[in-house]
Protein backbone atom coordinates (compact mmCIF):
# COMPACT_ATOMS: atom_id res chain seq x y z
CA MET A 1 0.15 -0.03 0.08
CA SER A 2 1.20 3.42 -1.01
CA TYR A 3 1.95 6.28 1.47
CA ASN A 4 3.42 9.48 1.39
CA TYR A 5 5.21 10.01 4.53
CA LEU A 6 6.64 7.34 7.09
CA TYR A 7 7.54 7.99 10.61
CA LYS A 8 9.21 5.96 13.04
CA LEU A 9 7.98 6.15 16.76
CA VAL A 10 9.44 4.49 19.98
CA LEU A 11 7.44 3.26 23.01
CA ILE A 12 10.04 3.58 26.11
CA GLY A 13 9.79 3.31 29.81
CA ASP A 14 9.95 0.58 32.56
CA SER A 15 9.31 -2.95 32.08
CA GLY A 16 5.67 -3.91 32.56
CA VAL A 17 4.10 -0.25 32.00
CA GLY A 18 2.13 -1.42 29.04
CA LYS A 19 4.12 -0.43 26.04
CA SER A 20 3.42 -3.85 24.25
CA CYS A 21 -0.37 -3.49 25.21
CA LEU A 22 -0.38 -0.13 23.59
CA LEU A 23 1.35 -0.99 20.45
CA LEU A 24 -1.10 -4.27 20.16
CA GLN A 25 -4.11 -1.60 20.59
CA PHE A 26 -2.95 0.67 18.20
CA THR A 27 -2.04 -1.61 15.40
CA ASP A 28 -4.66 -4.35 15.82
CA LYS A 29 -7.24 -2.87 18.22
CA ARG A 30 -6.90 -5.61 20.61
CA PHE A 31 -5.84 -6.31 24.26
CA GLN A 32 -3.63 -9.10 25.41
CA PRO A 33 -3.86 -9.37 29.14
CA VAL A 34 -0.63 -11.69 29.50
CA HIS A 35 2.48 -10.43 27.58
CA ASP A 36 6.13 -11.91 27.53
CA LEU A 37 8.77 -9.48 28.39
CA THR A 38 10.21 -7.69 25.17
CA ILE A 39 13.56 -8.51 24.47
CA GLY A 40 15.32 -5.91 22.62
CA VAL A 41 12.53 -4.63 20.43
CA GLU A 42 9.07 -5.33 18.63
CA PHE A 43 8.02 -3.58 15.91
CA GLY A 44 4.24 -3.01 14.59
CA ALA A 45 3.24 -0.88 11.55
CA ARG A 46 -0.06 1.14 10.63
CA LEU A 47 -1.42 3.32 7.92
CA ILE A 48 -3.13 6.35 8.97
CA GLU A 49 -4.83 9.21 6.83
CA TYR A 50 -4.27 12.64 8.15
CA LYS A 51 -5.55 15.64 6.69
CA LYS A 52 -5.91 13.46 3.21
CA THR A 53 -2.08 12.52 3.43
CA LYS A 54 -1.27 8.89 3.77
CA ILE A 55 1.16 8.08 6.56
CA ARG A 56 2.96 5.00 7.40
CA LEU A 57 3.60 4.64 11.16
CA GLN A 58 6.74 2.19 12.37
CA ILE A 59 6.32 1.84 15.78
CA TRP A 60 8.92 0.20 17.84
CA ASP A 61 8.21 -1.31 21.07
CA THR A 62 11.38 -1.26 23.22
CA ALA A 63 12.40 -3.60 26.10
CA GLY A 64 11.95 -1.73 29.47
CA GLN A 65 14.41 -3.62 31.75
CA GLU A 66 17.90 -1.76 32.55
CA SER A 67 19.83 -4.75 31.23
CA PHE A 68 18.50 -3.87 27.67
CA ARG A 69 18.87 -0.20 28.05
CA SER A 70 22.09 0.06 25.74
CA ILE A 71 20.31 -1.74 22.92
CA THR A 72 17.12 0.31 23.41
CA ARG A 73 19.20 3.48 22.92
CA SER A 74 20.05 2.50 19.30
CA TYR A 75 16.28 2.71 18.52
CA TYR A 76 16.01 6.02 18.82
CA ARG A 77 17.93 7.00 15.76
CA GLY A 78 15.78 8.14 12.91
CA ALA A 79 12.78 8.38 15.26
CA ALA A 80 10.23 11.30 14.79
CA GLY A 81 8.52 10.76 18.09
CA ALA A 82 8.75 9.04 21.38
CA VAL A 83 5.78 7.93 23.68
CA LEU A 84 7.07 7.79 27.32
CA VAL A 85 5.03 5.69 29.40
CA TYR A 86 4.66 4.92 33.04
CA ASP A 87 2.08 2.79 34.60
CA VAL A 88 -0.31 4.85 36.83
CA THR A 89 -0.62 2.22 39.41
CA ARG A 90 3.42 1.85 40.01
CA ARG A 91 5.06 4.99 41.52
CA GLU A 92 8.40 3.60 40.59
CA THR A 93 7.81 3.55 36.98
CA PHE A 94 6.88 7.45 37.21
CA ASN A 95 9.95 8.28 39.33
CA HIS A 96 12.13 6.70 36.40
CA LEU A 97 10.74 9.18 34.16
CA ALA A 98 13.24 11.87 34.09
CA SER A 99 16.06 9.07 33.50
CA TRP A 100 14.03 7.84 30.20
CA LEU A 101 13.18 11.42 29.24
CA GLU A 102 17.08 12.12 29.73
CA ASP A 103 18.06 9.14 27.58
CA ALA A 104 15.73 9.91 24.93
CA LEU A 105 16.93 13.41 24.32
CA GLN A 106 20.75 12.33 24.58
CA HIS A 107 20.53 9.44 22.02
CA SER A 108 17.83 11.03 19.50
CA SER A 109 17.71 13.89 17.09
CA PRO A 110 16.86 17.25 18.56
CA SER A 111 13.63 17.57 16.67
CA LEU A 112 12.34 14.44 18.20
CA GLN A 113 8.66 14.99 19.60
CA ILE A 114 7.70 13.33 23.01
CA ILE A 115 4.40 12.47 24.56
CA LEU A 116 4.12 11.45 28.23
CA VAL A 117 1.55 8.68 28.73
CA GLY A 118 0.18 7.58 32.04
CA ASN A 119 -0.99 3.95 31.35
CA LYS A 120 -3.61 1.59 33.01
CA SER A 121 -6.05 4.21 33.75
CA ASP A 122 -8.91 2.00 34.13
CA LEU A 123 -7.00 0.79 37.16
CA SER A 124 -8.59 3.41 39.29
CA LYS A 125 -8.88 2.04 42.60
CA ARG A 126 -5.14 0.93 42.59
CA ARG A 127 -4.18 4.54 41.50
CA ALA A 128 -0.45 5.31 42.75
CA VAL A 129 0.29 8.24 40.68
CA ASN A 130 -2.54 11.20 40.30
CA TYR A 131 -3.41 12.92 36.96
CA GLU A 132 -1.77 16.04 38.41
CA GLU A 133 1.26 14.54 39.09
CA GLY A 134 1.63 13.65 35.30
CA PHE A 135 0.38 16.86 34.18
CA ASN A 136 2.86 18.76 36.20
CA PHE A 137 5.68 16.56 35.09
CA ALA A 138 4.78 16.87 31.58
CA GLN A 139 4.40 20.84 31.88
CA GLU A 140 7.93 21.27 33.68
CA HIS A 141 9.55 19.30 30.77
CA GLY A 142 7.33 20.54 27.54
CA LEU A 143 5.73 17.69 26.93
CA THR A 144 2.14 16.77 25.80
CA PHE A 145 0.49 14.40 28.55
CA LEU A 146 -2.43 12.16 28.37
CA GLU A 147 -3.70 9.24 30.40
CA THR A 148 -4.68 5.95 28.42
CA SER A 149 -6.12 2.48 29.06
CA ALA A 150 -4.22 -0.35 26.63
CA LYS A 151 -7.20 -2.46 27.97
CA THR A 152 -10.22 -0.12 27.16
CA GLY A 153 -8.60 1.52 24.17
CA GLU A 154 -9.16 5.08 25.85
CA ASN A 155 -7.27 7.64 24.21
CA VAL A 156 -4.69 5.41 22.53
CA GLU A 157 -5.46 6.99 19.20
CA GLN A 158 -5.17 9.98 20.57
CA VAL A 159 -1.41 9.59 21.33
CA ILE A 160 -0.51 8.91 17.92
CA PHE A 161 -2.53 11.64 16.40
CA ILE A 162 -0.91 14.32 19.15
CA LEU A 163 2.69 13.21 17.91
C-alpha cells in the first residue's frame, strides 16, 4: 500500500508499564492481558490518513529492563517521536521518567517529539500516581500529556495523532 510519509515512533519506559499492550491496541485494536517481556524490540506498523495524506507509522516497542538499555538507545536513531510511558498504579515507574527522558534526549535528534503517557487509567482503585502529577511532570519538561488504557483503548488513538 502506498503512502506519502513514513514516521518512526518509539515506545519507552519501564518494564511492565503496558508498552506492548499499547502497541497491540494501536495496530490491531485488541488487548492481550498476558504478555511476555519484550527482548530487545518488537515492531508494529499502521497506515493512517491525516488531512488527506497517507502516513505509514512504524512503532518500535522497546524493552524496559535496565539490562537492555544500551540496545534500546540505538532505536532512537531516525525516530520522529517517542511515547514515554509509565504505569499509573506503580509509582516507581513514574519516578524513573526523568532518566528515560534524559536518555531519549541524549540519543535522538533534537527534533524528536515526545508525549508522556500514564497508562492503565482503567485501574483507578489501584492508582498510585494522580493525574496532576503526570500533568505537572509534562509541563515542567515541555511535553504533551495523556492518560490511556491499553485495555479499553481509551485515548490510545489520540496519542498517535497528538504526536
